[in-house]
């Protein structure tokens, strides 16, 4: 049975659907509460709106996303939500054709896939730099000591999400990457990936 813990919905079998519905609902609520007082105000500069959007809407939408077992369908749902809200902030009509890359460029905003990748890599690097006996690291990286899995396709795990992000970003395989970020300065290392992640996003959009 699902339950809430530290602001996130914990579900059995790594099912993120309920948490995603909740995140989308909270982000939309945060956005529309300020629609008349902020987003529709022509006297407020666009850069100010973008900062407020990142602080109030994007942070709500992506809260805890670094630890999500995220599939492509989940990413598409989050991306669609942020894109539609960003269009409303730009004042675009439903009939206007505004490319996603154009909207991000006009708002000087990082693409959502880049933000998700950064959060996943940051959470992974934080775990890697924890002592080996800490519970969060054990939960995320441990393997079964005994017994065997059920027949059929293995359950999709958070480590699979991490490996998919590393591959998408063109970064080294997990073992080599883990050695690279095993440092007190891991935050700077993750920030240094941003240009690489943006290039990966552009290649993904142009494919």
C-alpha atoms as a PDB file:
ATOM      1  CA  UNK A   1       0.000   0.000   0.000  1.00  0.00           C
ATOM      2  CA  UNK A   2       1.278   3.484  -0.863  1.00  0.00           C
ATOM      3  CA  UNK A   3       2.141   5.978   1.896  1.00  0.00           C
ATOM      4  CA  UNK A   4       3.616   9.478   2.165  1.00  0.00           C
ATOM      5  CA  UNK A   5       7.103   9.974   3.589  1.00  0.00           C
ATOM      6  CA  UNK A   6       8.990  13.301   3.685  1.00  0.00           C
ATOM      7  CA  UNK A   7       6.688  14.793   1.046  1.00  0.00           C
ATOM      8  CA  UNK A   8       6.924  11.888  -1.407  1.00  0.00           C
ATOM      9  CA  UNK A   9       4.552   9.018  -2.136  1.00  0.00           C
ATOM     10  CA  UNK A  10       6.209   5.630  -1.618  1.00  0.00           C
ATOM     11  CA  UNK A  11       4.629   2.887  -3.719  1.00  0.00           C
ATOM     12  CA  UNK A  12       5.288  -0.876  -3.939  1.00  0.00           C
ATOM     13  CA  UNK A  13       7.093  -2.367  -6.937  1.00  0.00           C
ATOM     14  CA  UNK A  14       8.685   0.976  -7.923  1.00  0.00           C
ATOM     15  CA  UNK A  15       5.399   2.249  -9.361  1.00  0.00           C
ATOM     16  CA  UNK A  16       5.807   6.015  -9.813  1.00  0.00           C
ATOM     17  CA  UNK A  17       2.362   6.725 -11.305  1.00  0.00           C
ATOM     18  CA  UNK A  18       0.750   7.942  -8.082  1.00  0.00           C
ATOM     19  CA  UNK A  19       3.702  10.134  -7.121  1.00  0.00           C
ATOM     20  CA  UNK A  20       3.817  11.622 -10.636  1.00  0.00           C
ATOM     21  CA  UNK A  21       0.095  12.454 -10.567  1.00  0.00           C
ATOM     22  CA  UNK A  22       0.608  14.156  -7.219  1.00  0.00           C
ATOM     23  CA  UNK A  23       3.666  16.099  -8.391  1.00  0.00           C
ATOM     24  CA  UNK A  24       1.880  17.274 -11.550  1.00  0.00           C
ATOM     25  CA  UNK A  25      -1.164  18.358  -9.542  1.00  0.00           C
ATOM     26  CA  UNK A  26       0.915  20.292  -7.012  1.00  0.00           C
ATOM     27  CA  UNK A  27       2.974  22.003  -9.738  1.00  0.00           C
ATOM     28  CA  UNK A  28      -0.141  23.060 -11.653  1.00  0.00           C
ATOM     29  CA  UNK A  29      -1.697  24.352  -8.440  1.00  0.00           C
ATOM     30  CA  UNK A  30       1.445  26.384  -7.668  1.00  0.00           C
ATOM     31  CA  UNK A  31       1.377  27.849 -11.180  1.00  0.00           C
ATOM     32  CA  UNK A  32      -2.300  28.811 -11.396  1.00  0.00           C
ATOM     33  CA  UNK A  33      -2.359  30.397  -7.937  1.00  0.00           C
ATOM     34  CA  UNK A  34      -0.055  33.086  -9.362  1.00  0.00           C
ATOM     35  CA  UNK A  35      -1.446  33.309 -12.882  1.00  0.00           C
ATOM     36  CA  UNK A  36      -3.178  36.675 -12.472  1.00  0.00           C
ATOM     37  CA  UNK A  37      -0.788  38.193  -9.933  1.00  0.00           C
ATOM     38  CA  UNK A  38       2.455  37.238 -11.661  1.00  0.00           C
ATOM     39  CA  UNK A  39       2.433  35.326 -14.958  1.00  0.00           C
ATOM     40  CA  UNK A  40      -0.133  37.621 -16.662  1.00  0.00           C
ATOM     41  CA  UNK A  41       1.488  40.836 -15.418  1.00  0.00           C
ATOM     42  CA  UNK A  42       3.217  42.650 -18.293  1.00  0.00           C
ATOM     43  CA  UNK A  43       5.133  44.883 -15.899  1.00  0.00           C
ATOM     44  CA  UNK A  44       7.104  41.946 -14.502  1.00  0.00           C
ATOM     45  CA  UNK A  45      10.277  41.125 -16.421  1.00  0.00           C
ATOM     46  CA  UNK A  46      10.534  37.738 -18.067  1.00  0.00           C
ATOM     47  CA  UNK A  47      13.752  36.866 -16.219  1.00  0.00           C
ATOM     48  CA  UNK A  48      11.927  37.441 -12.914  1.00  0.00           C
ATOM     49  CA  UNK A  49       9.082  35.181 -14.026  1.00  0.00           C
ATOM     50  CA  UNK A  50      11.571  32.495 -15.022  1.00  0.00           C
ATOM     51  CA  UNK A  51      13.253  32.587 -11.611  1.00  0.00           C
ATOM     52  CA  UNK A  52       9.885  32.352  -9.886  1.00  0.00           C
ATOM     53  CA  UNK A  53       8.838  29.519 -12.195  1.00  0.00           C
ATOM     54  CA  UNK A  54      11.980  27.564 -11.333  1.00  0.00           C
ATOM     55  CA  UNK A  55      11.631  28.237  -7.613  1.00  0.00           C
ATOM     56  CA  UNK A  56       7.900  27.528  -7.258  1.00  0.00           C
ATOM     57  CA  UNK A  57       6.794  25.298 -10.137  1.00  0.00           C
ATOM     58  CA  UNK A  58       9.794  23.301 -11.379  1.00  0.00           C
ATOM     59  CA  UNK A  59      11.048  22.600  -7.847  1.00  0.00           C
ATOM     60  CA  UNK A  60       7.584  21.295  -6.890  1.00  0.00           C
ATOM     61  CA  UNK A  61       7.288  19.194 -10.040  1.00  0.00           C
ATOM     62  CA  UNK A  62      10.738  17.615  -9.634  1.00  0.00           C
ATOM     63  CA  UNK A  63      10.870  17.281  -5.840  1.00  0.00           C
ATOM     64  CA  UNK A  64      12.649  14.021  -4.982  1.00  0.00           C
ATOM     65  CA  UNK A  65      13.134  13.136  -8.666  1.00  0.00           C
ATOM     66  CA  UNK A  66      16.764  12.156  -8.180  1.00  0.00           C
ATOM     67  CA  UNK A  67      15.646   8.958  -6.444  1.00  0.00           C
ATOM     68  CA  UNK A  68      12.819   8.075  -8.840  1.00  0.00           C
ATOM     69  CA  UNK A  69      12.760   4.830 -10.804  1.00  0.00           C
ATOM     70  CA  UNK A  70      11.893   6.729 -13.951  1.00  0.00           C
ATOM     71  CA  UNK A  71      10.816   5.352 -17.312  1.00  0.00           C
ATOM     72  CA  UNK A  72      10.543   7.200 -20.634  1.00  0.00           C
ATOM     73  CA  UNK A  73       6.757   7.498 -20.248  1.00  0.00           C
ATOM     74  CA  UNK A  74       7.229   9.199 -16.873  1.00  0.00           C
ATOM     75  CA  UNK A  75       9.733  11.655 -18.348  1.00  0.00           C
ATOM     76  CA  UNK A  76       7.349  12.488 -21.198  1.00  0.00           C
ATOM     77  CA  UNK A  77       4.551  13.224 -18.718  1.00  0.00           C
ATOM     78  CA  UNK A  78       6.725  15.587 -16.694  1.00  0.00           C
ATOM     79  CA  UNK A  79       8.097  17.243 -19.827  1.00  0.00           C
ATOM     80  CA  UNK A  80       4.612  17.843 -21.223  1.00  0.00           C
ATOM     81  CA  UNK A  81       3.462  19.399 -17.956  1.00  0.00           C
ATOM     82  CA  UNK A  82       6.384  21.823 -17.727  1.00  0.00           C
ATOM     83  CA  UNK A  83       6.166  22.695 -21.424  1.00  0.00           C
ATOM     84  CA  UNK A  84       2.453  23.558 -21.236  1.00  0.00           C
ATOM     85  CA  UNK A  85       2.928  25.713 -18.158  1.00  0.00           C
ATOM     86  CA  UNK A  86       5.927  27.462 -19.746  1.00  0.00           C
ATOM     87  CA  UNK A  87       3.789  28.226 -22.819  1.00  0.00           C
ATOM     88  CA  UNK A  88       1.141  29.812 -20.600  1.00  0.00           C
ATOM     89  CA  UNK A  89       3.821  31.922 -18.932  1.00  0.00           C
ATOM     90  CA  UNK A  90       4.970  33.092 -22.376  1.00  0.00           C
ATOM     91  CA  UNK A  91       1.387  34.084 -23.191  1.00  0.00           C
ATOM     92  CA  UNK A  92       1.089  31.649 -26.109  1.00  0.00           C
ATOM     93  CA  UNK A  93      -2.364  30.678 -27.314  1.00  0.00           C
ATOM     94  CA  UNK A  94      -3.332  26.994 -27.652  1.00  0.00           C
ATOM     95  CA  UNK A  95      -3.296  27.365 -31.454  1.00  0.00           C
ATOM     96  CA  UNK A  96       0.224  28.840 -31.537  1.00  0.00           C
ATOM     97  CA  UNK A  97       2.973  26.473 -32.626  1.00  0.00           C
ATOM     98  CA  UNK A  98       5.854  26.944 -30.245  1.00  0.00           C
ATOM     99  CA  UNK A  99       8.647  24.355 -30.299  1.00  0.00           C
ATOM    100  CA  UNK A 100       9.836  23.079 -26.955  1.00  0.00           C
ATOM    101  CA  UNK A 101      13.413  24.201 -27.631  1.00  0.00           C
ATOM    102  CA  UNK A 102      12.118  27.676 -28.578  1.00  0.00           C
ATOM    103  CA  UNK A 103      10.197  27.986 -25.317  1.00  0.00           C
ATOM    104  CA  UNK A 104      13.226  26.931 -23.261  1.00  0.00           C
ATOM    105  CA  UNK A 105      15.446  29.343 -25.200  1.00  0.00           C
ATOM    106  CA  UNK A 106      13.098  32.323 -24.769  1.00  0.00           C
ATOM    107  CA  UNK A 107      12.847  31.663 -21.039  1.00  0.00           C
ATOM    108  CA  UNK A 108      16.581  30.883 -20.604  1.00  0.00           C
ATOM    109  CA  UNK A 109      15.467  27.707 -18.850  1.00  0.00           C
ATOM    110  CA  UNK A 110      17.216  24.356 -18.680  1.00  0.00           C
ATOM    111  CA  UNK A 111      15.277  21.597 -20.496  1.00  0.00           C
ATOM    112  CA  UNK A 112      13.444  19.316 -18.106  1.00  0.00           C
ATOM    113  CA  UNK A 113      15.383  16.238 -19.265  1.00  0.00           C
ATOM    114  CA  UNK A 114      18.615  17.998 -18.377  1.00  0.00           C
ATOM    115  CA  UNK A 115      17.262  18.913 -14.936  1.00  0.00           C
ATOM    116  CA  UNK A 116      16.145  15.328 -14.327  1.00  0.00           C
ATOM    117  CA  UNK A 117      19.513  13.948 -15.430  1.00  0.00           C
ATOM    118  CA  UNK A 118      21.385  16.374 -13.147  1.00  0.00           C
ATOM    119  CA  UNK A 119      19.229  15.414 -10.180  1.00  0.00           C
ATOM    120  CA  UNK A 120      19.700  11.687 -10.783  1.00  0.00           C
ATOM    121  CA  UNK A 121      23.476  12.084 -11.140  1.00  0.00           C
ATOM    122  CA  UNK A 122      23.658  14.321  -8.048  1.00  0.00           C
ATOM    123  CA  UNK A 123      21.753  11.804  -5.925  1.00  0.00           C
ATOM    124  CA  UNK A 124      23.937   8.951  -7.211  1.00  0.00           C
ATOM    125  CA  UNK A 125      27.150  10.882  -6.485  1.00  0.00           C
ATOM    126  CA  UNK A 126      25.917  11.723  -2.989  1.00  0.00           C
ATOM    127  CA  UNK A 127      25.216   8.031  -2.313  1.00  0.00           C
ATOM    128  CA  UNK A 128      28.588   6.932  -3.696  1.00  0.00           C
ATOM    129  CA  UNK A 129      30.356   9.297  -1.294  1.00  0.00           C
ATOM    130  CA  UNK A 130      28.472   7.955   1.739  1.00  0.00           C
ATOM    131  CA  UNK A 131      30.112   5.307   3.969  1.00  0.00           C
ATOM    132  CA  UNK A 132      29.387   1.777   2.738  1.00  0.00           C
ATOM    133  CA  UNK A 133      27.236   0.899   5.766  1.00  0.00           C
ATOM    134  CA  UNK A 134      24.782   3.794   5.401  1.00  0.00           C
ATOM    135  CA  UNK A 135      21.212   2.657   4.739  1.00  0.00           C
ATOM    136  CA  UNK A 136      20.467   4.872   1.669  1.00  0.00           C
ATOM    137  CA  UNK A 137      23.542   3.516  -0.128  1.00  0.00           C
ATOM    138  CA  UNK A 138      22.684  -0.068   0.813  1.00  0.00           C
ATOM    139  CA  UNK A 139      19.110   0.331  -0.414  1.00  0.00           C
ATOM    140  CA  UNK A 140      20.102   1.789  -3.780  1.00  0.00           C
ATOM    141  CA  UNK A 141      23.115  -0.334  -4.684  1.00  0.00           C
ATOM    142  CA  UNK A 142      22.842  -3.662  -2.840  1.00  0.00           C
ATOM    143  CA  UNK A 143      22.180  -6.963  -4.602  1.00  0.00           C
ATOM    144  CA  UNK A 144      20.419 -10.082  -3.309  1.00  0.00           C
ATOM    145  CA  UNK A 145      22.756 -12.118  -1.073  1.00  0.00           C
ATOM    146  CA  UNK A 146      20.750 -15.309  -1.436  1.00  0.00           C
ATOM    147  CA  UNK A 147      17.711 -16.681  -3.203  1.00  0.00           C
ATOM    148  CA  UNK A 148      16.823 -16.061  -6.819  1.00  0.00           C
ATOM    149  CA  UNK A 149      14.563 -13.811  -8.826  1.00  0.00           C
ATOM    150  CA  UNK A 150      11.232 -14.869 -10.254  1.00  0.00           C
ATOM    151  CA  UNK A 151      11.167 -15.920 -13.855  1.00  0.00           C
ATOM    152  CA  UNK A 152      10.529 -13.271 -16.466  1.00  0.00           C
ATOM    153  CA  UNK A 153      11.770  -9.754 -17.001  1.00  0.00           C
ATOM    154  CA  UNK A 154      13.584  -8.301 -13.945  1.00  0.00           C
ATOM    155  CA  UNK A 155      11.895  -5.452 -12.082  1.00  0.00           C
ATOM    156  CA  UNK A 156      13.034  -2.034 -13.303  1.00  0.00           C
ATOM    157  CA  UNK A 157      15.266  -0.519 -10.610  1.00  0.00           C
ATOM    158  CA  UNK A 158      16.692   2.898  -9.783  1.00  0.00           C
ATOM    159  CA  UNK A 159      20.142   1.678 -10.839  1.00  0.00           C
ATOM    160  CA  UNK A 160      18.656   1.027 -14.303  1.00  0.00           C
ATOM    161  CA  UNK A 161      17.508   4.665 -14.404  1.00  0.00           C
ATOM    162  CA  UNK A 162      21.031   5.795 -13.484  1.00  0.00           C
ATOM    163  CA  UNK A 163      22.624   3.642 -16.185  1.00  0.00           C
ATOM    164  CA  UNK A 164      20.137   4.985 -18.758  1.00  0.00           C
ATOM    165  CA  UNK A 165      21.033   8.582 -17.785  1.00  0.00           C
ATOM    166  CA  UNK A 166      24.762   7.861 -18.088  1.00  0.00           C
ATOM    167  CA  UNK A 167      24.248   6.364 -21.537  1.00  0.00           C
ATOM    168  CA  UNK A 168      21.978   9.211 -22.680  1.00  0.00           C
ATOM    169  CA  UNK A 169      24.517  11.813 -21.509  1.00  0.00           C
ATOM    170  CA  UNK A 170      27.447  10.049 -23.178  1.00  0.00           C
ATOM    171  CA  UNK A 171      29.223   9.580 -19.835  1.00  0.00           C
ATOM    172  CA  UNK A 172      31.403   6.599 -18.853  1.00  0.00           C
ATOM    173  CA  UNK A 173      29.832   3.322 -17.746  1.00  0.00           C
ATOM    174  CA  UNK A 174      28.762   3.155 -14.104  1.00  0.00           C
ATOM    175  CA  UNK A 175      31.917   1.671 -12.549  1.00  0.00           C
ATOM    176  CA  UNK A 176      34.227   4.208 -14.228  1.00  0.00           C
ATOM    177  CA  UNK A 177      31.852   7.080 -13.518  1.00  0.00           C
ATOM    178  CA  UNK A 178      31.540   6.090  -9.845  1.00  0.00           C
ATOM    179  CA  UNK A 179      35.326   6.261  -9.503  1.00  0.00           C
ATOM    180  CA  UNK A 180      35.324   9.709 -11.136  1.00  0.00           C
ATOM    181  CA  UNK A 181      32.754  11.238  -8.737  1.00  0.00           C
ATOM    182  CA  UNK A 182      34.158   9.612  -5.586  1.00  0.00           C
ATOM    183  CA  UNK A 183      35.486  12.920  -4.365  1.00  0.00           C
ATOM    184  CA  UNK A 184      34.699  15.626  -1.816  1.00  0.00           C
ATOM    185  CA  UNK A 185      34.225  17.986  -4.766  1.00  0.00           C
ATOM    186  CA  UNK A 186      31.534  15.825  -6.434  1.00  0.00           C
ATOM    187  CA  UNK A 187      29.096  18.744  -6.696  1.00  0.00           C
ATOM    188  CA  UNK A 188      31.473  20.659  -8.969  1.00  0.00           C
ATOM    189  CA  UNK A 189      31.965  17.519 -11.061  1.00  0.00           C
ATOM    190  CA  UNK A 190      28.196  17.189 -11.569  1.00  0.00           C
ATOM    191  CA  UNK A 191      27.881  20.894 -12.490  1.00  0.00           C
ATOM    192  CA  UNK A 192      30.606  20.369 -15.077  1.00  0.00           C
ATOM    193  CA  UNK A 193      28.365  17.903 -16.917  1.00  0.00           C
ATOM    194  CA  UNK A 194      25.737  20.524 -17.755  1.00  0.00           C
ATOM    195  CA  UNK A 195      27.072  21.446 -21.196  1.00  0.00           C
ATOM    196  CA  UNK A 196      27.369  17.777 -22.074  1.00  0.00           C
ATOM    197  CA  UNK A 197      23.784  17.157 -20.943  1.00  0.00           C
ATOM    198  CA  UNK A 198      22.487  20.099 -22.996  1.00  0.00           C
ATOM    199  CA  UNK A 199      24.252  18.736 -26.085  1.00  0.00           C
ATOM    200  CA  UNK A 200      22.673  15.318 -25.459  1.00  0.00           C
ATOM    201  CA  UNK A 201      19.264  16.971 -25.220  1.00  0.00           C
ATOM    202  CA  UNK A 202      19.786  18.766 -28.536  1.00  0.00           C
ATOM    203  CA  UNK A 203      20.813  15.503 -30.231  1.00  0.00           C
ATOM    204  CA  UNK A 204      17.737  13.816 -28.742  1.00  0.00           C
ATOM    205  CA  UNK A 205      15.457  16.574 -30.094  1.00  0.00           C
ATOM    206  CA  UNK A 206      17.077  16.445 -33.572  1.00  0.00           C
ATOM    207  CA  UNK A 207      17.022  12.689 -33.953  1.00  0.00           C
END
